[in-house]
């Protein structure tokens, strides 16, 4: 329904790659380049800077991306509302998720939902909790699944499941000999943390504070924005980290990492967020109902 040139531009702008956009859109790269060139000619301005094999958005491109996102989302909402007149659950569902949920929980959930409602298309945005909250509040996402309670006044928050966090260290580390570890045990050990804005980081910071360990007492040696980077640094013996137990099962089984329970235990509630005033389509309501009954979530709380 939306201008095809706009759809192609949006995909290229999100991927910052003509090649990746072509793969995602099932188009050839020349066809993608042609569509973007047509849009640039229409606006009589460049939307991308091209340099040394990389592309970036120009100021005009940044503005176009903002409008493209809103136009495409409004188009999807219109199609969803009209399709409801036929009684079908169909159309795109725009979901945002923080990385733990997106990588370890959502794939099976979305697969099960797709089997139940084959006319739907889930579009997933992966970012940290703070970014997902903002996009849901701006109505560029229908709903988000985040790793910390929402602080946004315009969002509805519903707890969907519970997750346990554990301390991980290298198998040869002295910490690996513990059956459990307390916050005080960890206070002076080299600590590898997620970046600010991460739901996991917020949860862990609060856990240490609640158990009498201030931020100044922690021996923070690294802040990393990638879970895989954190696991690699821990495996190399550079320090300990605290992560969701679901994210290290493979490495623990292979003997690359050791996971030790925390004492007291650290459990967090994973939350579903969506705007208070946003029109709730039949598709969105169907997905919310599906989450309420999914054993992948209800068995974890």
C-alpha atoms as a PDB file:
ATOM      1  CA  UNK A   1       0.000   0.000   0.000  1.00  0.00           C
ATOM      2  CA  UNK A   2       2.786   2.460   0.905  1.00  0.00           C
ATOM      3  CA  UNK A   3       5.053   3.791  -1.838  1.00  0.00           C
ATOM      4  CA  UNK A   4       7.473   0.994  -2.746  1.00  0.00           C
ATOM      5  CA  UNK A   5      10.333   3.469  -2.949  1.00  0.00           C
ATOM      6  CA  UNK A   6       9.653   4.454   0.654  1.00  0.00           C
ATOM      7  CA  UNK A   7       9.632   0.824   1.783  1.00  0.00           C
ATOM      8  CA  UNK A   8      12.942   0.156   0.058  1.00  0.00           C
ATOM      9  CA  UNK A   9      14.525   3.354   1.411  1.00  0.00           C
ATOM     10  CA  UNK A  10      13.369   2.477   4.938  1.00  0.00           C
ATOM     11  CA  UNK A  11      14.932  -0.983   4.749  1.00  0.00           C
ATOM     12  CA  UNK A  12      18.232   0.350   3.424  1.00  0.00           C
ATOM     13  CA  UNK A  13      18.272   3.066   6.104  1.00  0.00           C
ATOM     14  CA  UNK A  14      17.672   0.536   8.887  1.00  0.00           C
ATOM     15  CA  UNK A  15      20.305  -1.867   7.586  1.00  0.00           C
ATOM     16  CA  UNK A  16      22.744   0.802   6.326  1.00  0.00           C
ATOM     17  CA  UNK A  17      23.502  -1.668   3.573  1.00  0.00           C
ATOM     18  CA  UNK A  18      22.104  -2.044   0.068  1.00  0.00           C
ATOM     19  CA  UNK A  19      23.175  -5.699   0.048  1.00  0.00           C
ATOM     20  CA  UNK A  20      21.423  -6.600   3.314  1.00  0.00           C
ATOM     21  CA  UNK A  21      18.335  -4.649   2.278  1.00  0.00           C
ATOM     22  CA  UNK A  22      18.189  -6.521  -1.029  1.00  0.00           C
ATOM     23  CA  UNK A  23      18.369  -9.852   0.816  1.00  0.00           C
ATOM     24  CA  UNK A  24      15.641  -8.821   3.259  1.00  0.00           C
ATOM     25  CA  UNK A  25      13.363  -7.546   0.472  1.00  0.00           C
ATOM     26  CA  UNK A  26      14.087 -10.475  -1.891  1.00  0.00           C
ATOM     27  CA  UNK A  27      15.247  -8.012  -4.547  1.00  0.00           C
ATOM     28  CA  UNK A  28      18.428  -7.631  -6.544  1.00  0.00           C
ATOM     29  CA  UNK A  29      20.861  -4.995  -5.344  1.00  0.00           C
ATOM     30  CA  UNK A  30      20.580  -2.949  -8.583  1.00  0.00           C
ATOM     31  CA  UNK A  31      16.787  -2.875  -8.125  1.00  0.00           C
ATOM     32  CA  UNK A  32      17.192  -1.580  -4.571  1.00  0.00           C
ATOM     33  CA  UNK A  33      19.691   1.057  -5.705  1.00  0.00           C
ATOM     34  CA  UNK A  34      17.306   2.145  -8.486  1.00  0.00           C
ATOM     35  CA  UNK A  35      14.366   2.585  -6.067  1.00  0.00           C
ATOM     36  CA  UNK A  36      16.482   4.708  -3.698  1.00  0.00           C
ATOM     37  CA  UNK A  37      17.808   6.780  -6.598  1.00  0.00           C
ATOM     38  CA  UNK A  38      14.234   7.431  -7.757  1.00  0.00           C
ATOM     39  CA  UNK A  39      13.298   8.671  -4.273  1.00  0.00           C
ATOM     40  CA  UNK A  40      16.376  10.919  -4.174  1.00  0.00           C
ATOM     41  CA  UNK A  41      15.414  12.344  -7.565  1.00  0.00           C
ATOM     42  CA  UNK A  42      11.857  12.897  -6.335  1.00  0.00           C
ATOM     43  CA  UNK A  43      13.115  14.953  -3.372  1.00  0.00           C
ATOM     44  CA  UNK A  44      15.991  16.429  -5.399  1.00  0.00           C
ATOM     45  CA  UNK A  45      18.472  15.656  -2.635  1.00  0.00           C
ATOM     46  CA  UNK A  46      20.820  12.905  -1.495  1.00  0.00           C
ATOM     47  CA  UNK A  47      19.488  10.645   1.252  1.00  0.00           C
ATOM     48  CA  UNK A  48      22.693   8.647   1.731  1.00  0.00           C
ATOM     49  CA  UNK A  49      26.379   9.479   1.834  1.00  0.00           C
ATOM     50  CA  UNK A  50      28.449   6.796   0.129  1.00  0.00           C
ATOM     51  CA  UNK A  51      32.128   6.482   1.099  1.00  0.00           C
ATOM     52  CA  UNK A  52      34.654   3.625   1.044  1.00  0.00           C
ATOM     53  CA  UNK A  53      32.011   0.951   0.618  1.00  0.00           C
ATOM     54  CA  UNK A  54      29.890   2.229   3.518  1.00  0.00           C
ATOM     55  CA  UNK A  55      26.753   4.348   3.597  1.00  0.00           C
ATOM     56  CA  UNK A  56      25.304   6.754   6.148  1.00  0.00           C
ATOM     57  CA  UNK A  57      22.216   8.927   6.245  1.00  0.00           C
ATOM     58  CA  UNK A  58      22.416  12.580   5.286  1.00  0.00           C
ATOM     59  CA  UNK A  59      20.391  15.083   7.366  1.00  0.00           C
ATOM     60  CA  UNK A  60      17.666  14.803   4.717  1.00  0.00           C
ATOM     61  CA  UNK A  61      17.892  11.015   4.993  1.00  0.00           C
ATOM     62  CA  UNK A  62      17.498  11.166   8.785  1.00  0.00           C
ATOM     63  CA  UNK A  63      14.352  13.271   8.340  1.00  0.00           C
ATOM     64  CA  UNK A  64      13.021  10.954   5.623  1.00  0.00           C
ATOM     65  CA  UNK A  65      13.610   7.925   7.845  1.00  0.00           C
ATOM     66  CA  UNK A  66      11.590   9.457  10.671  1.00  0.00           C
ATOM     67  CA  UNK A  67       8.641  10.126   8.359  1.00  0.00           C
ATOM     68  CA  UNK A  68       8.993   6.794   6.546  1.00  0.00           C
ATOM     69  CA  UNK A  69       8.761   4.902   9.833  1.00  0.00           C
ATOM     70  CA  UNK A  70       5.593   6.746  10.806  1.00  0.00           C
ATOM     71  CA  UNK A  71       4.011   6.414   7.351  1.00  0.00           C
ATOM     72  CA  UNK A  72       4.716   2.678   7.123  1.00  0.00           C
ATOM     73  CA  UNK A  73       3.409   2.057  10.626  1.00  0.00           C
ATOM     74  CA  UNK A  74       0.225   4.034   9.936  1.00  0.00           C
ATOM     75  CA  UNK A  75      -0.219   2.076   6.708  1.00  0.00           C
ATOM     76  CA  UNK A  76       0.145  -1.187   8.625  1.00  0.00           C
ATOM     77  CA  UNK A  77      -2.362  -0.024  11.219  1.00  0.00           C
ATOM     78  CA  UNK A  78      -4.852   0.970   8.519  1.00  0.00           C
ATOM     79  CA  UNK A  79      -4.517  -2.403   6.822  1.00  0.00           C
ATOM     80  CA  UNK A  80      -4.976  -4.140  10.161  1.00  0.00           C
ATOM     81  CA  UNK A  81      -8.134  -2.226  11.041  1.00  0.00           C
ATOM     82  CA  UNK A  82      -9.668  -2.765   7.621  1.00  0.00           C
ATOM     83  CA  UNK A  83      -8.790  -6.470   7.624  1.00  0.00           C
ATOM     84  CA  UNK A  84     -10.659  -6.831  10.897  1.00  0.00           C
ATOM     85  CA  UNK A  85     -13.867  -6.182   9.009  1.00  0.00           C
ATOM     86  CA  UNK A  86     -13.325  -9.598   7.431  1.00  0.00           C
ATOM     87  CA  UNK A  87     -12.668 -11.240  10.801  1.00  0.00           C
ATOM     88  CA  UNK A  88      -9.090 -12.217   9.884  1.00  0.00           C
ATOM     89  CA  UNK A  89      -6.078 -11.975  12.171  1.00  0.00           C
ATOM     90  CA  UNK A  90      -3.490 -10.829   9.652  1.00  0.00           C
ATOM     91  CA  UNK A  91      -0.922  -8.207   8.795  1.00  0.00           C
ATOM     92  CA  UNK A  92       2.366  -6.992  10.279  1.00  0.00           C
ATOM     93  CA  UNK A  93       2.995  -7.009  14.034  1.00  0.00           C
ATOM     94  CA  UNK A  94       5.781  -4.631  15.073  1.00  0.00           C
ATOM     95  CA  UNK A  95       7.556  -6.071  18.099  1.00  0.00           C
ATOM     96  CA  UNK A  96      10.545  -4.744  19.986  1.00  0.00           C
ATOM     97  CA  UNK A  97      12.595  -6.832  22.376  1.00  0.00           C
ATOM     98  CA  UNK A  98      15.707  -6.473  24.428  1.00  0.00           C
ATOM     99  CA  UNK A  99      18.460  -8.828  23.430  1.00  0.00           C
ATOM    100  CA  UNK A 100      18.002 -11.680  25.929  1.00  0.00           C
ATOM    101  CA  UNK A 101      14.319 -12.035  25.052  1.00  0.00           C
ATOM    102  CA  UNK A 102      14.874 -11.593  21.315  1.00  0.00           C
ATOM    103  CA  UNK A 103      17.632 -14.174  21.060  1.00  0.00           C
ATOM    104  CA  UNK A 104      16.537 -16.827  23.527  1.00  0.00           C
ATOM    105  CA  UNK A 105      12.742 -16.618  23.972  1.00  0.00           C
ATOM    106  CA  UNK A 106      11.025 -14.920  21.049  1.00  0.00           C
ATOM    107  CA  UNK A 107      12.030 -17.172  18.122  1.00  0.00           C
ATOM    108  CA  UNK A 108       9.942 -20.112  19.363  1.00  0.00           C
ATOM    109  CA  UNK A 109       7.116 -17.827  20.495  1.00  0.00           C
ATOM    110  CA  UNK A 110       6.893 -16.139  17.104  1.00  0.00           C
ATOM    111  CA  UNK A 111       7.087 -19.488  15.345  1.00  0.00           C
ATOM    112  CA  UNK A 112       4.191 -20.856  17.393  1.00  0.00           C
ATOM    113  CA  UNK A 113       2.158 -17.691  16.808  1.00  0.00           C
ATOM    114  CA  UNK A 114       2.825 -17.853  13.062  1.00  0.00           C
ATOM    115  CA  UNK A 115       1.550 -21.442  12.962  1.00  0.00           C
ATOM    116  CA  UNK A 116      -1.631 -20.356  14.701  1.00  0.00           C
ATOM    117  CA  UNK A 117      -2.086 -17.243  12.525  1.00  0.00           C
ATOM    118  CA  UNK A 118      -0.314 -17.842   9.184  1.00  0.00           C
ATOM    119  CA  UNK A 119      -1.484 -14.539   7.663  1.00  0.00           C
ATOM    120  CA  UNK A 120       0.603 -12.509  10.114  1.00  0.00           C
ATOM    121  CA  UNK A 121       4.112 -11.133   9.671  1.00  0.00           C
ATOM    122  CA  UNK A 122       6.147 -10.345  12.783  1.00  0.00           C
ATOM    123  CA  UNK A 123       8.748  -7.585  12.398  1.00  0.00           C
ATOM    124  CA  UNK A 124      11.262  -7.630  15.227  1.00  0.00           C
ATOM    125  CA  UNK A 125      13.427  -4.741  16.422  1.00  0.00           C
ATOM    126  CA  UNK A 126      16.221  -5.698  18.829  1.00  0.00           C
ATOM    127  CA  UNK A 127      17.657  -3.035  21.145  1.00  0.00           C
ATOM    128  CA  UNK A 128      18.232  -2.365  24.812  1.00  0.00           C
ATOM    129  CA  UNK A 129      15.331  -1.756  27.192  1.00  0.00           C
ATOM    130  CA  UNK A 130      15.564   2.032  27.089  1.00  0.00           C
ATOM    131  CA  UNK A 131      15.405   2.154  23.278  1.00  0.00           C
ATOM    132  CA  UNK A 132      12.489  -0.282  23.089  1.00  0.00           C
ATOM    133  CA  UNK A 133      10.524   1.775  25.635  1.00  0.00           C
ATOM    134  CA  UNK A 134      11.048   4.925  23.566  1.00  0.00           C
ATOM    135  CA  UNK A 135       9.976   3.290  20.293  1.00  0.00           C
ATOM    136  CA  UNK A 136       6.814   1.846  21.844  1.00  0.00           C
ATOM    137  CA  UNK A 137       5.954   5.220  23.375  1.00  0.00           C
ATOM    138  CA  UNK A 138       6.500   6.869  19.966  1.00  0.00           C
ATOM    139  CA  UNK A 139       4.136   4.309  18.359  1.00  0.00           C
ATOM    140  CA  UNK A 140       6.832   3.050  16.004  1.00  0.00           C
ATOM    141  CA  UNK A 141       6.406  -0.360  17.655  1.00  0.00           C
ATOM    142  CA  UNK A 142       3.143  -2.055  18.657  1.00  0.00           C
ATOM    143  CA  UNK A 143       4.585  -3.573  21.807  1.00  0.00           C
ATOM    144  CA  UNK A 144       7.858  -4.366  23.518  1.00  0.00           C
ATOM    145  CA  UNK A 145       9.277  -7.122  25.693  1.00  0.00           C
ATOM    146  CA  UNK A 146      11.854  -5.727  28.081  1.00  0.00           C
ATOM    147  CA  UNK A 147      14.157  -6.924  30.866  1.00  0.00           C
ATOM    148  CA  UNK A 148      13.289  -4.323  33.507  1.00  0.00           C
ATOM    149  CA  UNK A 149      10.144  -2.583  34.761  1.00  0.00           C
ATOM    150  CA  UNK A 150       9.117   0.307  32.538  1.00  0.00           C
ATOM    151  CA  UNK A 151       9.601   3.839  33.859  1.00  0.00           C
ATOM    152  CA  UNK A 152       7.590   5.475  31.084  1.00  0.00           C
ATOM    153  CA  UNK A 153       4.353   7.129  32.276  1.00  0.00           C
ATOM    154  CA  UNK A 154       2.514   6.543  28.979  1.00  0.00           C
ATOM    155  CA  UNK A 155       3.126   2.800  28.779  1.00  0.00           C
ATOM    156  CA  UNK A 156       1.110  -0.077  30.173  1.00  0.00           C
ATOM    157  CA  UNK A 157       3.399  -2.665  31.797  1.00  0.00           C
ATOM    158  CA  UNK A 158       2.456  -6.308  32.337  1.00  0.00           C
ATOM    159  CA  UNK A 159       4.757  -8.938  33.835  1.00  0.00           C
ATOM    160  CA  UNK A 160       5.029 -11.877  31.435  1.00  0.00           C
ATOM    161  CA  UNK A 161       7.607 -14.185  33.029  1.00  0.00           C
ATOM    162  CA  UNK A 162      10.496 -14.483  35.465  1.00  0.00           C
ATOM    163  CA  UNK A 163      14.182 -14.970  34.722  1.00  0.00           C
ATOM    164  CA  UNK A 164      17.082 -15.971  36.997  1.00  0.00           C
ATOM    165  CA  UNK A 165      20.517 -14.353  36.760  1.00  0.00           C
ATOM    166  CA  UNK A 166      23.743 -16.083  37.796  1.00  0.00           C
ATOM    167  CA  UNK A 167      27.408 -15.207  38.170  1.00  0.00           C
ATOM    168  CA  UNK A 168      29.631 -16.535  35.387  1.00  0.00           C
ATOM    169  CA  UNK A 169      33.395 -16.878  35.444  1.00  0.00           C
ATOM    170  CA  UNK A 170      36.174 -18.782  33.701  1.00  0.00           C
ATOM    171  CA  UNK A 171      36.369 -22.447  34.790  1.00  0.00           C
ATOM    172  CA  UNK A 172      39.911 -21.893  36.157  1.00  0.00           C
ATOM    173  CA  UNK A 173      38.850 -18.859  38.242  1.00  0.00           C
ATOM    174  CA  UNK A 174      38.866 -19.091  42.048  1.00  0.00           C
ATOM    175  CA  UNK A 175      35.190 -18.067  41.944  1.00  0.00           C
ATOM    176  CA  UNK A 176      34.385 -21.266  40.043  1.00  0.00           C
ATOM    177  CA  UNK A 177      35.053 -23.291  43.215  1.00  0.00           C
ATOM    178  CA  UNK A 178      32.128 -21.659  45.042  1.00  0.00           C
ATOM    179  CA  UNK A 179      28.757 -23.410  45.257  1.00  0.00           C
ATOM    180  CA  UNK A 180      27.093 -19.986  45.682  1.00  0.00           C
ATOM    181  CA  UNK A 181      28.437 -16.420  45.775  1.00  0.00           C
ATOM    182  CA  UNK A 182      27.170 -13.365  47.620  1.00  0.00           C
ATOM    183  CA  UNK A 183      27.368  -9.726  46.496  1.00  0.00           C
ATOM    184  CA  UNK A 184      30.065  -9.168  49.127  1.00  0.00           C
ATOM    185  CA  UNK A 185      32.101 -12.081  47.685  1.00  0.00           C
ATOM    186  CA  UNK A 186      32.090 -10.291  44.332  1.00  0.00           C
ATOM    187  CA  UNK A 187      32.723  -6.739  45.509  1.00  0.00           C
ATOM    188  CA  UNK A 188      36.487  -6.627  44.840  1.00  0.00           C
ATOM    189  CA  UNK A 189      36.657  -9.089  41.938  1.00  0.00           C
ATOM    190  CA  UNK A 190      37.175  -7.764  38.372  1.00  0.00           C
ATOM    191  CA  UNK A 191      33.653  -7.115  37.069  1.00  0.00           C
ATOM    192  CA  UNK A 192      32.487  -7.027  33.438  1.00  0.00           C
ATOM    193  CA  UNK A 193      29.154  -5.248  33.012  1.00  0.00           C
ATOM    194  CA  UNK A 194      26.577  -4.418  30.375  1.00  0.00           C
ATOM    195  CA  UNK A 195      26.295  -0.829  29.151  1.00  0.00           C
ATOM    196  CA  UNK A 196      24.109   1.871  30.718  1.00  0.00           C
ATOM    197  CA  UNK A 197      20.548   1.681  29.370  1.00  0.00           C
ATOM    198  CA  UNK A 198      20.547  -2.101  29.480  1.00  0.00           C
ATOM    199  CA  UNK A 199      17.731  -3.663  31.505  1.00  0.00           C
ATOM    200  CA  UNK A 200      20.157  -6.291  32.757  1.00  0.00           C
ATOM    201  CA  UNK A 201      22.576  -3.595  33.969  1.00  0.00           C
ATOM    202  CA  UNK A 202      19.811  -1.771  35.803  1.00  0.00           C
ATOM    203  CA  UNK A 203      18.646  -4.965  37.492  1.00  0.00           C
ATOM    204  CA  UNK A 204      22.167  -5.929  38.625  1.00  0.00           C
ATOM    205  CA  UNK A 205      23.004  -2.424  39.889  1.00  0.00           C
ATOM    206  CA  UNK A 206      19.877  -2.476  42.038  1.00  0.00           C
ATOM    207  CA  UNK A 207      20.724  -5.983  43.310  1.00  0.00           C
ATOM    208  CA  UNK A 208      24.141  -4.849  44.559  1.00  0.00           C
ATOM    209  CA  UNK A 209      22.680  -1.696  46.169  1.00  0.00           C
ATOM    210  CA  UNK A 210      19.934  -3.685  47.915  1.00  0.00           C
ATOM    211  CA  UNK A 211      22.586  -6.017  49.341  1.00  0.00           C
ATOM    212  CA  UNK A 212      24.873  -3.348  50.713  1.00  0.00           C
ATOM    213  CA  UNK A 213      27.424  -3.078  47.901  1.00  0.00           C
ATOM    214  CA  UNK A 214      27.735   0.409  46.419  1.00  0.00           C
ATOM    215  CA  UNK A 215      28.821   1.151  42.863  1.00  0.00           C
ATOM    216  CA  UNK A 216      32.107   2.582  44.193  1.00  0.00           C
ATOM    217  CA  UNK A 217      32.963  -0.741  45.841  1.00  0.00           C
ATOM    218  CA  UNK A 218      32.672  -2.707  42.588  1.00  0.00           C
ATOM    219  CA  UNK A 219      35.856  -3.322  40.620  1.00  0.00           C
ATOM    220  CA  UNK A 220      34.357  -2.488  37.234  1.00  0.00           C
ATOM    221  CA  UNK A 221      36.953  -3.269  34.548  1.00  0.00           C
ATOM    222  CA  UNK A 222      34.804  -3.316  31.389  1.00  0.00           C
ATOM    223  CA  UNK A 223      31.424  -2.135  30.096  1.00  0.00           C
ATOM    224  CA  UNK A 224      30.358  -4.038  26.979  1.00  0.00           C
ATOM    225  CA  UNK A 225      27.232  -3.659  24.878  1.00  0.00           C
ATOM    226  CA  UNK A 226      27.274  -7.209  23.530  1.00  0.00           C
ATOM    227  CA  UNK A 227      26.441 -10.323  25.501  1.00  0.00           C
ATOM    228  CA  UNK A 228      28.724 -12.387  23.286  1.00  0.00           C
ATOM    229  CA  UNK A 229      31.576  -9.971  23.985  1.00  0.00           C
ATOM    230  CA  UNK A 230      30.946 -10.300  27.714  1.00  0.00           C
ATOM    231  CA  UNK A 231      30.975 -14.100  27.526  1.00  0.00           C
ATOM    232  CA  UNK A 232      34.202 -13.984  25.529  1.00  0.00           C
ATOM    233  CA  UNK A 233      35.889 -11.662  28.033  1.00  0.00           C
ATOM    234  CA  UNK A 234      34.784 -13.807  30.978  1.00  0.00           C
ATOM    235  CA  UNK A 235      35.923 -17.001  29.250  1.00  0.00           C
ATOM    236  CA  UNK A 236      39.335 -15.389  28.744  1.00  0.00           C
ATOM    237  CA  UNK A 237      39.627 -14.867  32.499  1.00  0.00           C
ATOM    238  CA  UNK A 238      39.286 -11.085  32.482  1.00  0.00           C
ATOM    239  CA  UNK A 239      36.629 -11.009  35.192  1.00  0.00           C
ATOM    240  CA  UNK A 240      33.189 -12.198  36.231  1.00  0.00           C
ATOM    241  CA  UNK A 241      29.793 -11.125  34.901  1.00  0.00           C
ATOM    242  CA  UNK A 242      26.166 -11.587  35.890  1.00  0.00           C
ATOM    243  CA  UNK A 243      23.851 -12.813  33.132  1.00  0.00           C
ATOM    244  CA  UNK A 244      20.576 -14.595  32.534  1.00  0.00           C
ATOM    245  CA  UNK A 245      20.981 -18.327  33.073  1.00  0.00           C
ATOM    246  CA  UNK A 246      19.189 -18.927  29.760  1.00  0.00           C
ATOM    247  CA  UNK A 247      21.981 -17.224  27.813  1.00  0.00           C
ATOM    248  CA  UNK A 248      24.922 -19.396  28.929  1.00  0.00           C
ATOM    249  CA  UNK A 249      23.521 -22.932  28.908  1.00  0.00           C
ATOM    250  CA  UNK A 250      25.578 -23.913  25.841  1.00  0.00           C
ATOM    251  CA  UNK A 251      28.874 -22.490  27.130  1.00  0.00           C
ATOM    252  CA  UNK A 252      28.422 -24.094  30.549  1.00  0.00           C
ATOM    253  CA  UNK A 253      27.685 -27.460  28.944  1.00  0.00           C
ATOM    254  CA  UNK A 254      30.818 -27.165  26.782  1.00  0.00           C
ATOM    255  CA  UNK A 255      32.939 -26.252  29.788  1.00  0.00           C
ATOM    256  CA  UNK A 256      33.804 -22.792  28.460  1.00  0.00           C
ATOM    257  CA  UNK A 257      32.161 -20.991  31.379  1.00  0.00           C
ATOM    258  CA  UNK A 258      31.150 -21.816  34.943  1.00  0.00           C
ATOM    259  CA  UNK A 259      27.801 -20.557  36.271  1.00  0.00           C
ATOM    260  CA  UNK A 260      27.392 -20.097  40.038  1.00  0.00           C
ATOM    261  CA  UNK A 261      24.063 -19.205  41.717  1.00  0.00           C
ATOM    262  CA  UNK A 262      23.845 -15.947  43.627  1.00  0.00           C
ATOM    263  CA  UNK A 263      22.979 -15.777  47.331  1.00  0.00           C
ATOM    264  CA  UNK A 264      20.487 -14.267  47.773  1.00  0.00           C
ATOM    265  CA  UNK A 265      19.082 -15.336  44.385  1.00  0.00           C
ATOM    266  CA  UNK A 266      18.639 -12.690  41.712  1.00  0.00           C
ATOM    267  CA  UNK A 267      15.419 -13.057  39.781  1.00  0.00           C
ATOM    268  CA  UNK A 268      13.862 -10.430  37.580  1.00  0.00           C
ATOM    269  CA  UNK A 269      10.486 -10.031  35.997  1.00  0.00           C
ATOM    270  CA  UNK A 270      10.404  -9.667  32.231  1.00  0.00           C
ATOM    271  CA  UNK A 271       7.731  -7.233  31.147  1.00  0.00           C
ATOM    272  CA  UNK A 272       5.448  -6.530  28.230  1.00  0.00           C
ATOM    273  CA  UNK A 273       4.873  -2.841  27.419  1.00  0.00           C
ATOM    274  CA  UNK A 274       2.484  -1.086  25.058  1.00  0.00           C
ATOM    275  CA  UNK A 275       1.013   2.441  24.788  1.00  0.00           C
ATOM    276  CA  UNK A 276      -2.040   3.227  26.869  1.00  0.00           C
ATOM    277  CA  UNK A 277      -3.852   5.096  24.113  1.00  0.00           C
ATOM    278  CA  UNK A 278      -2.785   3.115  21.047  1.00  0.00           C
ATOM    279  CA  UNK A 279      -5.541   1.427  19.043  1.00  0.00           C
ATOM    280  CA  UNK A 280      -5.419  -2.261  19.932  1.00  0.00           C
ATOM    281  CA  UNK A 281      -5.975  -4.196  16.735  1.00  0.00           C
ATOM    282  CA  UNK A 282      -7.354  -7.698  16.625  1.00  0.00           C
ATOM    283  CA  UNK A 283      -3.849  -8.863  15.686  1.00  0.00           C
ATOM    284  CA  UNK A 284      -2.254  -7.177  18.700  1.00  0.00           C
ATOM    285  CA  UNK A 285      -4.953  -8.524  21.023  1.00  0.00           C
ATOM    286  CA  UNK A 286      -4.481 -12.003  19.569  1.00  0.00           C
ATOM    287  CA  UNK A 287      -0.751 -11.813  20.299  1.00  0.00           C
ATOM    288  CA  UNK A 288      -1.355 -10.578  23.856  1.00  0.00           C
ATOM    289  CA  UNK A 289      -3.802 -13.437  24.442  1.00  0.00           C
ATOM    290  CA  UNK A 290      -1.282 -15.864  22.966  1.00  0.00           C
ATOM    291  CA  UNK A 291       1.431 -14.665  25.374  1.00  0.00           C
ATOM    292  CA  UNK A 292      -0.952 -15.135  28.302  1.00  0.00           C
ATOM    293  CA  UNK A 293      -1.410 -18.817  27.473  1.00  0.00           C
ATOM    294  CA  UNK A 294       1.990 -19.750  26.028  1.00  0.00           C
ATOM    295  CA  UNK A 295       3.748 -22.489  28.073  1.00  0.00           C
ATOM    296  CA  UNK A 296       7.086 -20.984  27.034  1.00  0.00           C
ATOM    297  CA  UNK A 297       6.264 -18.068  29.335  1.00  0.00           C
ATOM    298  CA  UNK A 298       3.774 -19.336  31.868  1.00  0.00           C
ATOM    299  CA  UNK A 299       6.082 -22.172  32.899  1.00  0.00           C
ATOM    300  CA  UNK A 300       8.824 -19.680  33.751  1.00  0.00           C
ATOM    301  CA  UNK A 301       6.994 -17.477  36.249  1.00  0.00           C
END
